[in-house]
Amino acid sequence: MRNSFNNNKIKLEEFEALIQLTAEMSKVLYPYIRQILQSRDDLIRNPKPWTEFKSRYIELISERFNTNSMKVKRLIDSSCNDEVFINILLTLALCISDDGSQKLRTILFNY
């Protein structure tokens, strides 16, 4: 799905490092993640964090991925991707605990 096609498989050590990095970053970003999720529940009074998150996410996906792919087109379609965004944010929110990296590893292996 990426713009620059790379057929190399990720090594287990790299996978573990990415999981650790993601879990640690989710701990740092938890207040922001929580604010985005709360704004999603109250779009009438506080729509700004949710709309900013969606637009930035779509912008990043469009920059880095092949937008001709159907999977990527579904990701950047703002009319039907709210559930995907919520799942991503909830997954990151679950990673803030002490065993967050283990939870994330389990989620990714079961995906």
PDB file of N, CA and C in Angstrom:
ATOM      1  N   MET A   1       0.811  -1.196   0.000  1.00  0.00           N
ATOM      2  CA  MET A   1       0.000   0.000   0.000  1.00  0.00           C
ATOM      3  C   MET A   1       0.858   1.266   0.000  1.00  0.00           C
ATOM      4  N   ARG A   2       2.145   1.148   0.316  1.00  0.00           N
ATOM      5  CA  ARG A   2       3.006   2.329   0.368  1.00  0.00           C
ATOM      6  C   ARG A   2       3.371   2.800  -1.028  1.00  0.00           C
ATOM      7  N   ASN A   3       3.714   4.090  -1.129  1.00  0.00           N
ATOM      8  CA  ASN A   3       4.164   4.648  -2.405  1.00  0.00           C
ATOM      9  C   ASN A   3       5.446   3.995  -2.873  1.00  0.00           C
ATOM     10  N   SER A   4       6.401   3.857  -1.980  1.00  0.00           N
ATOM     11  CA  SER A   4       7.661   3.214  -2.358  1.00  0.00           C
ATOM     12  C   SER A   4       7.562   1.740  -2.012  1.00  0.00           C
ATOM     13  N   PHE A   5       7.427   0.924  -3.011  1.00  0.00           N
ATOM     14  CA  PHE A   5       7.240  -0.510  -2.808  1.00  0.00           C
ATOM     15  C   PHE A   5       8.529  -1.127  -2.295  1.00  0.00           C
ATOM     16  N   ASN A   6       8.417  -1.856  -1.216  1.00  0.00           N
ATOM     17  CA  ASN A   6       9.566  -2.536  -0.639  1.00  0.00           C
ATOM     18  C   ASN A   6       9.110  -3.932  -0.258  1.00  0.00           C
ATOM     19  N   ASN A   7       9.720  -4.929  -0.839  1.00  0.00           N
ATOM     20  CA  ASN A   7       9.287  -6.301  -0.634  1.00  0.00           C
ATOM     21  C   ASN A   7       9.997  -6.984   0.535  1.00  0.00           C
ATOM     22  N   ASN A   8      10.812  -6.244   1.272  1.00  0.00           N
ATOM     23  CA  ASN A   8      11.516  -6.842   2.397  1.00  0.00           C
ATOM     24  C   ASN A   8      10.562  -7.116   3.546  1.00  0.00           C
ATOM     25  N   LYS A   9      10.725  -8.239   4.171  1.00  0.00           N
ATOM     26  CA  LYS A   9       9.906  -8.573   5.335  1.00  0.00           C
ATOM     27  C   LYS A   9      10.565  -7.985   6.577  1.00  0.00           C
ATOM     28  N   ILE A  10       9.742  -7.562   7.507  1.00  0.00           N
ATOM     29  CA  ILE A  10      10.257  -6.968   8.735  1.00  0.00           C
ATOM     30  C   ILE A  10      10.800  -8.071   9.644  1.00  0.00           C
ATOM     31  N   LYS A  11      11.914  -7.794  10.268  1.00  0.00           N
ATOM     32  CA  LYS A  11      12.516  -8.756  11.184  1.00  0.00           C
ATOM     33  C   LYS A  11      11.796  -8.684  12.524  1.00  0.00           C
ATOM     34  N   LEU A  12      11.862  -9.772  13.275  1.00  0.00           N
ATOM     35  CA  LEU A  12      11.183  -9.835  14.563  1.00  0.00           C
ATOM     36  C   LEU A  12      11.688  -8.755  15.510  1.00  0.00           C
ATOM     37  N   GLU A  13      12.989  -8.506  15.499  1.00  0.00           N
ATOM     38  CA  GLU A  13      13.554  -7.481  16.379  1.00  0.00           C
ATOM     39  C   GLU A  13      13.018  -6.093  16.012  1.00  0.00           C
ATOM     40  N   GLU A  14      12.879  -5.822  14.711  1.00  0.00           N
ATOM     41  CA  GLU A  14      12.339  -4.544  14.266  1.00  0.00           C
ATOM     42  C   GLU A  14      10.869  -4.420  14.647  1.00  0.00           C
ATOM     43  N   PHE A  15      10.128  -5.514  14.509  1.00  0.00           N
ATOM     44  CA  PHE A  15       8.715  -5.535  14.888  1.00  0.00           C
ATOM     45  C   PHE A  15       8.554  -5.239  16.372  1.00  0.00           C
ATOM     46  N   GLU A  16       9.369  -5.884  17.196  1.00  0.00           N
ATOM     47  CA  GLU A  16       9.317  -5.651  18.637  1.00  0.00           C
ATOM     48  C   GLU A  16       9.666  -4.205  18.979  1.00  0.00           C
ATOM     49  N   ALA A  17      10.665  -3.660  18.288  1.00  0.00           N
ATOM     50  CA  ALA A  17      11.070  -2.273  18.533  1.00  0.00           C
ATOM     51  C   ALA A  17       9.952  -1.302  18.152  1.00  0.00           C
ATOM     52  N   LEU A  18       9.266  -1.562  17.050  1.00  0.00           N
ATOM     53  CA  LEU A  18       8.154  -0.708  16.641  1.00  0.00           C
ATOM     54  C   LEU A  18       6.999  -0.781  17.637  1.00  0.00           C
ATOM     55  N   ILE A  19       6.754  -1.962  18.168  1.00  0.00           N
ATOM     56  CA  ILE A  19       5.703  -2.110  19.173  1.00  0.00           C
ATOM     57  C   ILE A  19       6.062  -1.328  20.433  1.00  0.00           C
ATOM     58  N   GLN A  20       7.303  -1.468  20.882  1.00  0.00           N
ATOM     59  CA  GLN A  20       7.758  -0.733  22.077  1.00  0.00           C
ATOM     60  C   GLN A  20       7.651   0.771  21.851  1.00  0.00           C
ATOM     61  N   LEU A  21       8.090   1.232  20.698  1.00  0.00           N
ATOM     62  CA  LEU A  21       8.051   2.653  20.372  1.00  0.00           C
ATOM     63  C   LEU A  21       6.610   3.169  20.342  1.00  0.00           C
ATOM     64  N   THR A  22       5.738   2.417  19.721  1.00  0.00           N
ATOM     65  CA  THR A  22       4.331   2.818  19.641  1.00  0.00           C
ATOM     66  C   THR A  22       3.689   2.860  21.020  1.00  0.00           C
ATOM     67  N   ALA A  23       3.962   1.876  21.854  1.00  0.00           N
ATOM     68  CA  ALA A  23       3.400   1.850  23.205  1.00  0.00           C
ATOM     69  C   ALA A  23       3.907   3.025  24.033  1.00  0.00           C
ATOM     70  N   GLU A  24       5.186   3.332  23.928  1.00  0.00           N
ATOM     71  CA  GLU A  24       5.743   4.449  24.692  1.00  0.00           C
ATOM     72  C   GLU A  24       5.202   5.789  24.186  1.00  0.00           C
ATOM     73  N   MET A  25       5.066   5.927  22.879  1.00  0.00           N
ATOM     74  CA  MET A  25       4.522   7.171  22.330  1.00  0.00           C
ATOM     75  C   MET A  25       3.053   7.344  22.690  1.00  0.00           C
ATOM     76  N   SER A  26       2.314   6.242  22.773  1.00  0.00           N
ATOM     77  CA  SER A  26       0.910   6.355  23.151  1.00  0.00           C
ATOM     78  C   SER A  26       0.773   6.830  24.595  1.00  0.00           C
ATOM     79  N   LYS A  27       1.730   6.467  25.446  1.00  0.00           N
ATOM     80  CA  LYS A  27       1.717   6.964  26.824  1.00  0.00           C
ATOM     81  C   LYS A  27       1.899   8.472  26.856  1.00  0.00           C
ATOM     82  N   VAL A  28       2.811   8.955  26.023  1.00  0.00           N
ATOM     83  CA  VAL A  28       3.081  10.394  25.971  1.00  0.00           C
ATOM     84  C   VAL A  28       1.889  11.147  25.367  1.00  0.00           C
ATOM     85  N   LEU A  29       1.272  10.556  24.366  1.00  0.00           N
ATOM     86  CA  LEU A  29       0.178  11.212  23.646  1.00  0.00           C
ATOM     87  C   LEU A  29      -1.201  10.926  24.228  1.00  0.00           C
ATOM     88  N   TYR A  30      -1.270  10.214  25.342  1.00  0.00           N
ATOM     89  CA  TYR A  30      -2.574   9.826  25.885  1.00  0.00           C
ATOM     90  C   TYR A  30      -3.507  11.008  26.146  1.00  0.00           C
ATOM     91  N   PRO A  31      -3.034  12.131  26.727  1.00  0.00           N
ATOM     92  CA  PRO A  31      -3.976  13.248  26.923  1.00  0.00           C
ATOM     93  C   PRO A  31      -4.590  13.733  25.605  1.00  0.00           C
ATOM     94  N   TYR A  32      -3.795  13.766  24.559  1.00  0.00           N
ATOM     95  CA  TYR A  32      -4.294  14.189  23.253  1.00  0.00           C
ATOM     96  C   TYR A  32      -5.264  13.143  22.688  1.00  0.00           C
ATOM     97  N   ILE A  33      -4.931  11.872  22.826  1.00  0.00           N
ATOM     98  CA  ILE A  33      -5.811  10.798  22.353  1.00  0.00           C
ATOM     99  C   ILE A  33      -7.156  10.866  23.071  1.00  0.00           C
ATOM    100  N   ARG A  34      -7.107  11.077  24.370  1.00  0.00           N
ATOM    101  CA  ARG A  34      -8.339  11.168  25.157  1.00  0.00           C
ATOM    102  C   ARG A  34      -9.177  12.371  24.731  1.00  0.00           C
ATOM    103  N   GLN A  35      -8.519  13.502  24.485  1.00  0.00           N
ATOM    104  CA  GLN A  35      -9.222  14.705  24.034  1.00  0.00           C
ATOM    105  C   GLN A  35      -9.910  14.464  22.690  1.00  0.00           C
ATOM    106  N   ILE A  36      -9.237  13.778  21.782  1.00  0.00           N
ATOM    107  CA  ILE A  36      -9.829  13.484  20.468  1.00  0.00           C
ATOM    108  C   ILE A  36     -11.050  12.585  20.628  1.00  0.00           C
ATOM    109  N   LEU A  37     -10.922  11.533  21.443  1.00  0.00           N
ATOM    110  CA  LEU A  37     -12.050  10.619  21.640  1.00  0.00           C
ATOM    111  C   LEU A  37     -13.228  11.322  22.311  1.00  0.00           C
ATOM    112  N   GLN A  38     -12.945  12.195  23.264  1.00  0.00           N
ATOM    113  CA  GLN A  38     -14.028  12.931  23.925  1.00  0.00           C
ATOM    114  C   GLN A  38     -14.708  13.891  22.955  1.00  0.00           C
ATOM    115  N   SER A  39     -13.933  14.524  22.080  1.00  0.00           N
ATOM    116  CA  SER A  39     -14.545  15.443  21.121  1.00  0.00           C
ATOM    117  C   SER A  39     -15.407  14.685  20.121  1.00  0.00           C
ATOM    118  N   ARG A  40     -15.051  13.434  19.840  1.00  0.00           N
ATOM    119  CA  ARG A  40     -15.857  12.608  18.937  1.00  0.00           C
ATOM    120  C   ARG A  40     -17.218  12.336  19.547  1.00  0.00           C
ATOM    121  N   ASP A  41     -17.271  12.197  20.861  1.00  0.00           N
ATOM    122  CA  ASP A  41     -18.542  11.960  21.542  1.00  0.00           C
ATOM    123  C   ASP A  41     -19.382  13.223  21.654  1.00  0.00           C
ATOM    124  N   ASP A  42     -18.753  14.393  21.524  1.00  0.00           N
ATOM    125  CA  ASP A  42     -19.467  15.664  21.662  1.00  0.00           C
ATOM    126  C   ASP A  42     -19.116  16.582  20.494  1.00  0.00           C
ATOM    127  N   LEU A  43     -19.514  16.176  19.307  1.00  0.00           N
ATOM    128  CA  LEU A  43     -19.164  16.929  18.098  1.00  0.00           C
ATOM    129  C   LEU A  43     -19.833  18.290  18.018  1.00  0.00           C
ATOM    130  N   ILE A  44     -20.934  18.465  18.713  1.00  0.00           N
ATOM    131  CA  ILE A  44     -21.657  19.739  18.638  1.00  0.00           C
ATOM    132  C   ILE A  44     -20.891  20.840  19.377  1.00  0.00           C
ATOM    133  N   ARG A  45     -20.418  20.549  20.581  1.00  0.00           N
ATOM    134  CA  ARG A  45     -19.732  21.568  21.371  1.00  0.00           C
ATOM    135  C   ARG A  45     -18.241  21.670  21.084  1.00  0.00           C
ATOM    136  N   ASN A  46     -17.595  20.558  20.711  1.00  0.00           N
ATOM    137  CA  ASN A  46     -16.145  20.563  20.566  1.00  0.00           C
ATOM    138  C   ASN A  46     -15.704  19.705  19.377  1.00  0.00           C
ATOM    139  N   PRO A  47     -15.970  20.154  18.155  1.00  0.00           N
ATOM    140  CA  PRO A  47     -15.619  19.333  16.994  1.00  0.00           C
ATOM    141  C   PRO A  47     -14.164  19.477  16.547  1.00  0.00           C
ATOM    142  N   LYS A  48     -13.465  20.483  17.025  1.00  0.00           N
ATOM    143  CA  LYS A  48     -12.141  20.808  16.497  1.00  0.00           C
ATOM    144  C   LYS A  48     -11.111  19.681  16.620  1.00  0.00           C
ATOM    145  N   PRO A  49     -10.902  19.058  17.810  1.00  0.00           N
ATOM    146  CA  PRO A  49      -9.882  17.999  17.882  1.00  0.00           C
ATOM    147  C   PRO A  49     -10.158  16.827  16.946  1.00  0.00           C
ATOM    148  N   TRP A  50     -11.427  16.413  16.852  1.00  0.00           N
ATOM    149  CA  TRP A  50     -11.765  15.282  15.993  1.00  0.00           C
ATOM    150  C   TRP A  50     -11.535  15.623  14.525  1.00  0.00           C
ATOM    151  N   THR A  51     -11.981  16.780  14.087  1.00  0.00           N
ATOM    152  CA  THR A  51     -11.809  17.153  12.684  1.00  0.00           C
ATOM    153  C   THR A  51     -10.343  17.387  12.341  1.00  0.00           C
ATOM    154  N   GLU A  52      -9.577  17.949  13.272  1.00  0.00           N
ATOM    155  CA  GLU A  52      -8.144  18.132  13.031  1.00  0.00           C
ATOM    156  C   GLU A  52      -7.426  16.781  12.926  1.00  0.00           C
ATOM    157  N   PHE A  53      -7.794  15.855  13.809  1.00  0.00           N
ATOM    158  CA  PHE A  53      -7.193  14.524  13.760  1.00  0.00           C
ATOM    159  C   PHE A  53      -7.502  13.850  12.431  1.00  0.00           C
ATOM    160  N   LYS A  54      -8.768  13.868  12.015  1.00  0.00           N
ATOM    161  CA  LYS A  54      -9.163  13.224  10.768  1.00  0.00           C
ATOM    162  C   LYS A  54      -8.438  13.831   9.576  1.00  0.00           C
ATOM    163  N   SER A  55      -8.396  15.140   9.529  1.00  0.00           N
ATOM    164  CA  SER A  55      -7.764  15.775   8.365  1.00  0.00           C
ATOM    165  C   SER A  55      -6.264  15.503   8.337  1.00  0.00           C
ATOM    166  N   ARG A  56      -5.619  15.520   9.494  1.00  0.00           N
ATOM    167  CA  ARG A  56      -4.173  15.248   9.527  1.00  0.00           C
ATOM    168  C   ARG A  56      -3.882  13.789   9.178  1.00  0.00           C
ATOM    169  N   TYR A  57      -4.699  12.873   9.677  1.00  0.00           N
ATOM    170  CA  TYR A  57      -4.526  11.450   9.377  1.00  0.00           C
ATOM    171  C   TYR A  57      -4.677  11.201   7.878  1.00  0.00           C
ATOM    172  N   ILE A  58      -5.707  11.771   7.278  1.00  0.00           N
ATOM    173  CA  ILE A  58      -5.940  11.605   5.849  1.00  0.00           C
ATOM    174  C   ILE A  58      -4.797  12.225   5.057  1.00  0.00           C
ATOM    175  N   GLU A  59      -4.312  13.361   5.510  1.00  0.00           N
ATOM    176  CA  GLU A  59      -3.180  14.012   4.842  1.00  0.00           C
ATOM    177  C   GLU A  59      -1.934  13.128   4.879  1.00  0.00           C
ATOM    178  N   LEU A  60      -1.643  12.542   6.042  1.00  0.00           N
ATOM    179  CA  LEU A  60      -0.470  11.675   6.165  1.00  0.00           C
ATOM    180  C   LEU A  60      -0.600  10.412   5.318  1.00  0.00           C
ATOM    181  N   ILE A  61      -1.773   9.810   5.306  1.00  0.00           N
ATOM    182  CA  ILE A  61      -2.010   8.624   4.484  1.00  0.00           C
ATOM    183  C   ILE A  61      -1.834   8.976   3.005  1.00  0.00           C
ATOM    184  N   SER A  62      -2.374  10.111   2.594  1.00  0.00           N
ATOM    185  CA  SER A  62      -2.274  10.522   1.193  1.00  0.00           C
ATOM    186  C   SER A  62      -0.835  10.786   0.783  1.00  0.00           C
ATOM    187  N   GLU A  63      -0.031  11.326   1.686  1.00  0.00           N
ATOM    188  CA  GLU A  63       1.370  11.612   1.376  1.00  0.00           C
ATOM    189  C   GLU A  63       2.192  10.341   1.237  1.00  0.00           C
ATOM    190  N   ARG A  64       1.952   9.363   2.099  1.00  0.00           N
ATOM    191  CA  ARG A  64       2.862   8.230   2.221  1.00  0.00           C
ATOM    192  C   ARG A  64       2.406   6.947   1.531  1.00  0.00           C
ATOM    193  N   PHE A  65       1.140   6.860   1.189  1.00  0.00           N
ATOM    194  CA  PHE A  65       0.623   5.626   0.620  1.00  0.00           C
ATOM    195  C   PHE A  65       0.185   5.836  -0.819  1.00  0.00           C
ATOM    196  N   ASN A  66       0.036   4.736  -1.516  1.00  0.00           N
ATOM    197  CA  ASN A  66      -0.405   4.740  -2.901  1.00  0.00           C
ATOM    198  C   ASN A  66      -1.914   4.975  -2.931  1.00  0.00           C
ATOM    199  N   THR A  67      -2.312   6.163  -3.320  1.00  0.00           N
ATOM    200  CA  THR A  67      -3.735   6.514  -3.288  1.00  0.00           C
ATOM    201  C   THR A  67      -4.537   5.860  -4.411  1.00  0.00           C
ATOM    202  N   ASN A  68      -3.876   5.127  -5.290  1.00  0.00           N
ATOM    203  CA  ASN A  68      -4.596   4.382  -6.323  1.00  0.00           C
ATOM    204  C   ASN A  68      -5.103   3.038  -5.809  1.00  0.00           C
ATOM    205  N   SER A  69      -4.595   2.602  -4.680  1.00  0.00           N
ATOM    206  CA  SER A  69      -5.023   1.344  -4.080  1.00  0.00           C
ATOM    207  C   SER A  69      -6.422   1.503  -3.473  1.00  0.00           C
ATOM    208  N   MET A  70      -7.245   0.496  -3.660  1.00  0.00           N
ATOM    209  CA  MET A  70      -8.613   0.548  -3.124  1.00  0.00           C
ATOM    210  C   MET A  70      -8.617   0.606  -1.601  1.00  0.00           C
ATOM    211  N   LYS A  71      -7.695  -0.109  -0.958  1.00  0.00           N
ATOM    212  CA  LYS A  71      -7.624  -0.082   0.503  1.00  0.00           C
ATOM    213  C   LYS A  71      -7.313   1.317   0.998  1.00  0.00           C
ATOM    214  N   VAL A  72      -6.380   1.988   0.335  1.00  0.00           N
ATOM    215  CA  VAL A  72      -6.012   3.348   0.731  1.00  0.00           C
ATOM    216  C   VAL A  72      -7.156   4.313   0.440  1.00  0.00           C
ATOM    217  N   LYS A  73      -7.830   4.125  -0.667  1.00  0.00           N
ATOM    218  CA  LYS A  73      -8.977   4.980  -0.990  1.00  0.00           C
ATOM    219  C   LYS A  73     -10.047   4.880   0.098  1.00  0.00           C
ATOM    220  N   ARG A  74     -10.255   3.683   0.615  1.00  0.00           N
ATOM    221  CA  ARG A  74     -11.230   3.521   1.704  1.00  0.00           C
ATOM    222  C   ARG A  74     -10.753   4.211   2.971  1.00  0.00           C
ATOM    223  N   LEU A  75      -9.444   4.177   3.240  1.00  0.00           N
ATOM    224  CA  LEU A  75      -8.905   4.844   4.422  1.00  0.00           C
ATOM    225  C   LEU A  75      -9.065   6.354   4.369  1.00  0.00           C
ATOM    226  N   ILE A  76      -8.918   6.927   3.190  1.00  0.00           N
ATOM    227  CA  ILE A  76      -8.983   8.383   3.090  1.00  0.00           C
ATOM    228  C   ILE A  76     -10.376   8.904   2.744  1.00  0.00           C
ATOM    229  N   ASP A  77     -11.329   8.014   2.580  1.00  0.00           N
ATOM    230  CA  ASP A  77     -12.710   8.430   2.338  1.00  0.00           C
ATOM    231  C   ASP A  77     -13.311   8.893   3.663  1.00  0.00           C
ATOM    232  N   SER A  78     -13.476  10.193   3.800  1.00  0.00           N
ATOM    233  CA  SER A  78     -13.909  10.743   5.088  1.00  0.00           C
ATOM    234  C   SER A  78     -15.350  10.393   5.445  1.00  0.00           C
ATOM    235  N   SER A  79     -16.130   9.910   4.486  1.00  0.00           N
ATOM    236  CA  SER A  79     -17.528   9.587   4.787  1.00  0.00           C
ATOM    237  C   SER A  79     -17.699   8.242   5.478  1.00  0.00           C
ATOM    238  N   CYS A  80     -16.715   7.334   5.355  1.00  0.00           N
ATOM    239  CA  CYS A  80     -16.934   5.998   5.920  1.00  0.00           C
ATOM    240  C   CYS A  80     -15.794   5.507   6.790  1.00  0.00           C
ATOM    241  N   ASN A  81     -14.873   6.352   7.190  1.00  0.00           N
ATOM    242  CA  ASN A  81     -13.728   5.846   7.932  1.00  0.00           C
ATOM    243  C   ASN A  81     -13.704   6.233   9.406  1.00  0.00           C
ATOM    244  N   ASP A  82     -14.779   6.759   9.949  1.00  0.00           N
ATOM    245  CA  ASP A  82     -14.811   7.123  11.369  1.00  0.00           C
ATOM    246  C   ASP A  82     -14.554   5.918  12.271  1.00  0.00           C
ATOM    247  N   GLU A  83     -15.111   4.775  11.921  1.00  0.00           N
ATOM    248  CA  GLU A  83     -14.913   3.577  12.742  1.00  0.00           C
ATOM    249  C   GLU A  83     -13.451   3.150  12.760  1.00  0.00           C
ATOM    250  N   VAL A  84     -12.772   3.281  11.639  1.00  0.00           N
ATOM    251  CA  VAL A  84     -11.346   2.945  11.572  1.00  0.00           C
ATOM    252  C   VAL A  84     -10.558   3.869  12.492  1.00  0.00           C
ATOM    253  N   PHE A  85     -10.870   5.162  12.427  1.00  0.00           N
ATOM    254  CA  PHE A  85     -10.170   6.122  13.273  1.00  0.00           C
ATOM    255  C   PHE A  85     -10.409   5.850  14.756  1.00  0.00           C
ATOM    256  N   ILE A  86     -11.629   5.549  15.096  1.00  0.00           N
ATOM    257  CA  ILE A  86     -11.955   5.257  16.501  1.00  0.00           C
ATOM    258  C   ILE A  86     -11.213   4.011  16.961  1.00  0.00           C
ATOM    259  N   ASN A  87     -11.175   2.979  16.128  1.00  0.00           N
ATOM    260  CA  ASN A  87     -10.448   1.755  16.500  1.00  0.00           C
ATOM    261  C   ASN A  87      -8.967   2.015  16.698  1.00  0.00           C
ATOM    262  N   ILE A  88      -8.375   2.822  15.837  1.00  0.00           N
ATOM    263  CA  ILE A  88      -6.958   3.159  15.980  1.00  0.00           C
ATOM    264  C   ILE A  88      -6.719   3.888  17.290  1.00  0.00           C
ATOM    265  N   LEU A  89      -7.543   4.880  17.581  1.00  0.00           N
ATOM    266  CA  LEU A  89      -7.363   5.655  18.808  1.00  0.00           C
ATOM    267  C   LEU A  89      -7.604   4.821  20.057  1.00  0.00           C
ATOM    268  N   LEU A  90      -8.608   3.958  20.031  1.00  0.00           N
ATOM    269  CA  LEU A  90      -8.872   3.099  21.187  1.00  0.00           C
ATOM    270  C   LEU A  90      -7.734   2.100  21.404  1.00  0.00           C
ATOM    271  N   THR A  91      -7.180   1.581  20.314  1.00  0.00           N
ATOM    272  CA  THR A  91      -6.042   0.674  20.425  1.00  0.00           C
ATOM    273  C   THR A  91      -4.858   1.385  21.058  1.00  0.00           C
ATOM    274  N   LEU A  92      -4.581   2.602  20.603  1.00  0.00           N
ATOM    275  CA  LEU A  92      -3.487   3.369  21.197  1.00  0.00           C
ATOM    276  C   LEU A  92      -3.765   3.704  22.657  1.00  0.00           C
ATOM    277  N   ALA A  93      -5.012   4.001  22.994  1.00  0.00           N
ATOM    278  CA  ALA A  93      -5.361   4.305  24.375  1.00  0.00           C
ATOM    279  C   ALA A  93      -5.162   3.081  25.273  1.00  0.00           C
ATOM    280  N   LEU A  94      -5.381   1.889  24.744  1.00  0.00           N
ATOM    281  CA  LEU A  94      -5.178   0.674  25.527  1.00  0.00           C
ATOM    282  C   LEU A  94      -3.700   0.376  25.761  1.00  0.00           C
ATOM    283  N   CYS A  95      -2.834   1.006  25.000  1.00  0.00           N
ATOM    284  CA  CYS A  95      -1.390   0.742  25.099  1.00  0.00           C
ATOM    285  C   CYS A  95      -0.702   1.531  26.201  1.00  0.00           C
ATOM    286  N   ILE A  96      -1.429   2.322  26.971  1.00  0.00           N
ATOM    287  CA  ILE A  96      -0.758   3.179  27.948  1.00  0.00           C
ATOM    288  C   ILE A  96      -0.413   2.472  29.248  1.00  0.00           C
ATOM    289  N   SER A  97      -0.936   1.308  29.455  1.00  0.00           N
ATOM    290  CA  SER A  97      -0.664   0.597  30.702  1.00  0.00           C
ATOM    291  C   SER A  97       0.752   0.035  30.698  1.00  0.00           C
ATOM    292  N   ASP A  98       1.145  -0.537  31.823  1.00  0.00           N
ATOM    293  CA  ASP A  98       2.484  -1.113  31.935  1.00  0.00           C
ATOM    294  C   ASP A  98       2.711  -2.254  30.952  1.00  0.00           C
ATOM    295  N   ASP A  99       1.666  -3.011  30.678  1.00  0.00           N
ATOM    296  CA  ASP A  99       1.801  -4.098  29.707  1.00  0.00           C
ATOM    297  C   ASP A  99       1.180  -3.718  28.358  1.00  0.00           C
ATOM    298  N   GLY A 100       1.270  -2.430  28.017  1.00  0.00           N
ATOM    299  CA  GLY A 100       0.701  -1.923  26.774  1.00  0.00           C
ATOM    300  C   GLY A 100       1.325  -2.521  25.539  1.00  0.00           C
ATOM    301  N   SER A 101       2.639  -2.752  25.594  1.00  0.00           N
ATOM    302  CA  SER A 101       3.284  -3.339  24.418  1.00  0.00           C
ATOM    303  C   SER A 101       2.800  -4.770  24.180  1.00  0.00           C
ATOM    304  N   GLN A 102       2.537  -5.492  25.257  1.00  0.00           N
ATOM    305  CA  GLN A 102       2.006  -6.858  25.117  1.00  0.00           C
ATOM    306  C   GLN A 102       0.595  -6.822  24.528  1.00  0.00           C
ATOM    307  N   LYS A 103      -0.222  -5.865  24.972  1.00  0.00           N
ATOM    308  CA  LYS A 103      -1.576  -5.730  24.426  1.00  0.00           C
ATOM    309  C   LYS A 103      -1.529  -5.394  22.938  1.00  0.00           C
ATOM    310  N   LEU A 104      -0.645  -4.472  22.571  1.00  0.00           N
ATOM    311  CA  LEU A 104      -0.534  -4.085  21.171  1.00  0.00           C
ATOM    312  C   LEU A 104      -0.039  -5.252  20.318  1.00  0.00           C
ATOM    313  N   ARG A 105       0.916  -5.997  20.817  1.00  0.00           N
ATOM    314  CA  ARG A 105       1.434  -7.160  20.102  1.00  0.00           C
ATOM    315  C   ARG A 105       0.299  -8.168  19.858  1.00  0.00           C
ATOM    316  N   THR A 106      -0.499  -8.408  20.870  1.00  0.00           N
ATOM    317  CA  THR A 106      -1.625  -9.340  20.748  1.00  0.00           C
ATOM    318  C   THR A 106      -2.633  -8.851  19.733  1.00  0.00           C
ATOM    319  N   ILE A 107      -2.947  -7.556  19.767  1.00  0.00           N
ATOM    320  CA  ILE A 107      -3.901  -6.994  18.820  1.00  0.00           C
ATOM    321  C   ILE A 107      -3.392  -7.137  17.396  1.00  0.00           C
ATOM    322  N   LEU A 108      -2.110  -6.854  17.187  1.00  0.00           N
ATOM    323  CA  LEU A 108      -1.547  -6.939  15.839  1.00  0.00           C
ATOM    324  C   LEU A 108      -1.457  -8.372  15.330  1.00  0.00           C
ATOM    325  N   PHE A 109      -1.135  -9.295  16.196  1.00  0.00           N
ATOM    326  CA  PHE A 109      -1.072 -10.686  15.767  1.00  0.00           C
ATOM    327  C   PHE A 109      -2.453 -11.248  15.459  1.00  0.00           C
ATOM    328  N   ASN A 110      -3.490 -10.750  16.123  1.00  0.00           N
ATOM    329  CA  ASN A 110      -4.848 -11.234  15.885  1.00  0.00           C
ATOM    330  C   ASN A 110      -5.550 -10.478  14.761  1.00  0.00           C
ATOM    331  N   TYR A 111      -4.915  -9.462  14.226  1.00  0.00           N
ATOM    332  CA  TYR A 111      -5.530  -8.645  13.166  1.00  0.00           C
ATOM    333  C   TYR A 111      -5.474  -9.363  11.895  1.00  0.00           C
TER     334      TYR A 111
END
